[in-house]
C-alpha cells in the first residue's frame, strides 16, 4: 500500500513539474477587478488563427497542423495559451493565439481554406476560473455561474460565451486551468 502511494506521489510531482516546464506564452491582459468568484480583465489586440465548424471536430488538428508548419512558409510556430472555443449560432470557433512576434505583415498565411488569421480586438472580459476536465458540462456550469453574477451586478454581456483551456491533456484534471469568459461593457 505504501509503495502504491509513493508511486502515485512521484507520478503526480513529475506530471505537475512537467506541466510547469512546458509552460506556454499566454495572451496578455491586465486584471482590472478581482473578487472570490470572478475577475475583470482588459485584453489587448492580438492575432489568432481560427477554424469554424458545426461541432468542433478536427478544428484542433487543423490549427495544430498550421502551427506545426502546414502554412505557406512551412514555418513552425510556438504554441501559446489559451486555446479558446466560442459557441455562436450553432457553430464553434476554435482559436489559437499567435505569439506576439507576429503581426499582419509577417504571419505566414494558412494553406487550408478553412483556417484564417484574424485580429481579435482588445476589450474587457469577465472570467471565472475552474479546474477539472474541459467538458461541456463543466464549462456550462461555470458559464452559468458567471452569467448570473454579471446579471446581478448589472454588468452588460456584449459577446458570446468563451471556453478557454490552458493545459495539455496530460495534465491531471485537478491541476488544470480552465476558464469561462464573456466580453463585457466596462466603464
Protein backbone atom coordinates (compact mmCIF):
# COMPACT_ATOMS: atom_id res chain seq x y z
CA UNK A 1 0.00 0.00 0.00
CA UNK A 2 2.79 2.45 0.92
CA UNK A 3 4.63 1.64 -2.30
CA UNK A 4 1.48 2.43 -4.36
CA UNK A 5 1.04 5.76 -2.60
CA UNK A 6 4.69 6.61 -3.17
CA UNK A 7 4.39 5.80 -6.89
CA UNK A 8 1.26 7.97 -7.17
CA UNK A 9 3.00 10.83 -5.37
CA UNK A 10 6.09 10.62 -7.60
CA UNK A 11 3.92 10.45 -10.73
CA UNK A 12 1.88 13.47 -9.59
CA UNK A 13 5.02 15.50 -8.86
CA UNK A 14 6.53 14.53 -12.22
CA UNK A 15 3.41 15.46 -14.18
CA UNK A 16 2.89 18.75 -12.35
CA UNK A 17 6.55 19.74 -12.79
CA UNK A 18 6.40 18.67 -16.44
CA UNK A 19 3.40 20.97 -16.95
CA UNK A 20 5.33 23.90 -15.45
CA UNK A 21 8.39 23.24 -17.61
CA UNK A 22 6.20 23.08 -20.70
CA UNK A 23 4.57 26.45 -19.91
CA UNK A 24 3.42 28.38 -22.96
CA UNK A 25 3.28 32.09 -23.72
CA UNK A 26 -0.07 33.45 -22.63
CA UNK A 27 -2.30 36.14 -24.13
CA UNK A 28 -1.54 39.41 -22.32
CA UNK A 29 -4.07 41.14 -20.08
CA UNK A 30 -4.37 43.43 -17.06
CA UNK A 31 -6.59 42.49 -14.11
CA UNK A 32 -8.96 45.42 -13.51
CA UNK A 33 -11.04 43.95 -10.70
CA UNK A 34 -10.97 40.67 -8.81
CA UNK A 35 -13.19 39.02 -6.21
CA UNK A 36 -13.70 35.49 -4.89
CA UNK A 37 -15.84 34.45 -7.88
CA UNK A 38 -14.55 36.19 -10.99
CA UNK A 39 -12.20 38.82 -12.34
CA UNK A 40 -12.46 41.56 -14.92
CA UNK A 41 -9.56 41.63 -17.38
CA UNK A 42 -8.53 44.05 -20.05
CA UNK A 43 -7.10 42.17 -23.02
CA UNK A 44 -5.08 43.80 -25.77
CA UNK A 45 -5.45 43.31 -29.54
CA UNK A 46 -3.99 40.01 -30.66
CA UNK A 47 -3.74 37.77 -33.69
CA UNK A 48 -5.34 34.35 -33.71
CA UNK A 49 -5.55 31.50 -36.16
CA UNK A 50 -9.05 30.07 -36.18
CA UNK A 51 -11.25 27.36 -37.59
CA UNK A 52 -15.06 27.40 -37.60
CA UNK A 53 -17.15 24.23 -37.64
CA UNK A 54 -20.57 22.95 -36.63
CA UNK A 55 -19.31 20.67 -33.87
CA UNK A 56 -15.62 21.49 -33.36
CA UNK A 57 -14.50 18.23 -34.99
CA UNK A 58 -10.95 18.34 -36.30
CA UNK A 59 -10.53 22.05 -35.52
CA UNK A 60 -7.73 21.40 -33.04
CA UNK A 61 -5.94 19.14 -35.50
CA UNK A 62 -6.27 21.72 -38.31
CA UNK A 63 -4.93 24.54 -36.13
CA UNK A 64 -2.15 22.37 -34.72
CA UNK A 65 -1.20 21.49 -38.29
CA UNK A 66 -0.94 25.20 -39.11
CA UNK A 67 1.45 25.93 -36.21
CA UNK A 68 3.38 22.71 -36.96
CA UNK A 69 4.37 24.07 -40.37
CA UNK A 70 1.37 23.49 -42.62
CA UNK A 71 1.42 27.12 -43.76
CA UNK A 72 2.76 28.92 -46.81
CA UNK A 73 6.24 29.38 -45.26
CA UNK A 74 6.36 25.88 -43.71
CA UNK A 75 7.19 27.76 -40.51
CA UNK A 76 6.78 26.13 -37.12
CA UNK A 77 5.04 28.46 -34.67
CA UNK A 78 5.29 28.18 -30.91
CA UNK A 79 2.11 27.06 -29.10
CA UNK A 80 0.52 29.69 -26.85
CA UNK A 81 -2.38 29.70 -24.41
CA UNK A 82 -5.24 29.72 -24.06
CA UNK A 83 -6.94 27.67 -26.73
CA UNK A 84 -10.43 29.17 -26.97
CA UNK A 85 -13.75 27.91 -28.22
CA UNK A 86 -16.59 30.32 -28.94
CA UNK A 87 -20.11 28.96 -29.36
CA UNK A 88 -22.28 31.15 -31.56
CA UNK A 89 -25.27 30.36 -33.78
CA UNK A 90 -24.78 26.57 -33.69
CA UNK A 91 -21.13 26.91 -34.72
CA UNK A 92 -17.92 26.54 -32.75
CA UNK A 93 -14.94 28.77 -33.47
CA UNK A 94 -11.67 27.38 -32.12
CA UNK A 95 -8.77 29.81 -31.83
CA UNK A 96 -5.05 29.56 -31.14
CA UNK A 97 -3.44 32.82 -30.06
CA UNK A 98 -0.31 33.62 -32.02
CA UNK A 99 3.00 34.68 -30.44
CA UNK A 100 3.43 38.45 -30.11
CA UNK A 101 6.38 38.45 -32.53
CA UNK A 102 3.85 38.11 -35.35
CA UNK A 103 1.79 40.85 -36.96
CA UNK A 104 -0.35 41.08 -40.09
CA UNK A 105 2.79 41.62 -42.21
CA UNK A 106 4.93 38.68 -41.07
CA UNK A 107 2.50 35.90 -40.15
CA UNK A 108 2.53 33.01 -42.65
CA UNK A 109 -0.78 32.52 -44.43
CA UNK A 110 -2.62 29.23 -43.95
CA UNK A 111 -2.56 26.74 -46.81
CA UNK A 112 -6.04 25.48 -45.90
CA UNK A 113 -9.12 27.46 -46.92
CA UNK A 114 -10.94 26.52 -43.70
CA UNK A 115 -8.38 28.29 -41.49
CA UNK A 116 -7.98 32.04 -41.20
CA UNK A 117 -5.86 34.61 -39.36
CA UNK A 118 -7.80 37.41 -37.70
CA UNK A 119 -7.13 40.25 -35.28
CA UNK A 120 -9.20 39.99 -32.10
CA UNK A 121 -9.79 43.49 -30.78
CA UNK A 122 -8.91 44.08 -27.17
CA UNK A 123 -11.56 44.77 -24.59
CA UNK A 124 -12.90 43.87 -21.20
CA UNK A 125 -13.76 40.30 -20.24
CA UNK A 126 -15.33 38.77 -17.16
CA UNK A 127 -13.61 35.49 -16.33
CA UNK A 128 -14.24 32.65 -13.90
CA UNK A 129 -11.50 30.03 -13.41
CA UNK A 130 -12.10 26.36 -12.67
CA UNK A 131 -10.17 23.11 -12.67
CA UNK A 132 -11.09 19.64 -13.84
CA UNK A 133 -11.78 18.37 -17.29
CA UNK A 134 -12.73 20.86 -20.00
CA UNK A 135 -16.04 19.11 -20.70
CA UNK A 136 -19.10 20.94 -21.96
CA UNK A 137 -20.89 20.05 -18.71
CA UNK A 138 -18.14 21.60 -16.55
CA UNK A 139 -17.98 24.67 -18.80
CA UNK A 140 -21.79 25.11 -18.88
CA UNK A 141 -21.90 25.01 -15.08
CA UNK A 142 -19.28 27.76 -14.74
CA UNK A 143 -20.51 29.98 -17.58
CA UNK A 144 -23.97 29.92 -15.94
CA UNK A 145 -22.47 30.96 -12.58
CA UNK A 146 -20.60 33.81 -14.30
CA UNK A 147 -23.65 34.91 -16.26
CA UNK A 148 -25.82 35.06 -13.13
CA UNK A 149 -23.22 37.03 -11.16
CA UNK A 150 -22.82 39.54 -14.01
CA UNK A 151 -26.58 39.97 -14.30
CA UNK A 152 -26.82 40.52 -10.52
CA UNK A 153 -24.10 43.21 -10.77
CA UNK A 154 -25.77 44.87 -13.82
CA UNK A 155 -22.70 44.21 -15.96
CA UNK A 156 -23.64 44.03 -19.64
CA UNK A 157 -22.52 40.97 -21.59
CA UNK A 158 -21.67 42.03 -25.15
CA UNK A 159 -20.19 38.87 -26.62
CA UNK A 160 -20.76 35.12 -26.82
CA UNK A 161 -19.57 32.66 -24.20
CA UNK A 162 -15.93 31.61 -24.47
CA UNK A 163 -14.26 28.45 -23.17
CA UNK A 164 -10.52 28.86 -22.55
CA UNK A 165 -8.18 25.97 -21.78
CA UNK A 166 -4.55 26.29 -20.75
CA UNK A 167 -3.06 22.88 -20.09
CA UNK A 168 -2.06 19.85 -22.10
CA UNK A 169 -4.29 16.77 -21.99
CA UNK A 170 -1.57 15.08 -19.94
CA UNK A 171 -2.09 17.46 -17.00
CA UNK A 172 -4.01 15.88 -14.15
CA UNK A 173 -7.60 17.23 -14.08
CA UNK A 174 -7.26 18.74 -10.60
CA UNK A 175 -4.23 20.75 -11.78
CA UNK A 176 -5.81 22.06 -14.98
CA UNK A 177 -6.67 25.69 -15.54
CA UNK A 178 -9.88 26.29 -17.45
CA UNK A 179 -11.87 29.49 -17.80
CA UNK A 180 -15.35 30.58 -18.78
CA UNK A 181 -15.48 34.11 -20.21
CA UNK A 182 -17.74 36.82 -21.59
CA UNK A 183 -16.79 40.06 -23.31
CA UNK A 184 -18.45 42.81 -21.28
CA UNK A 185 -19.16 46.52 -21.31
CA UNK A 186 -16.97 48.13 -18.64
CA UNK A 187 -16.54 51.74 -17.62
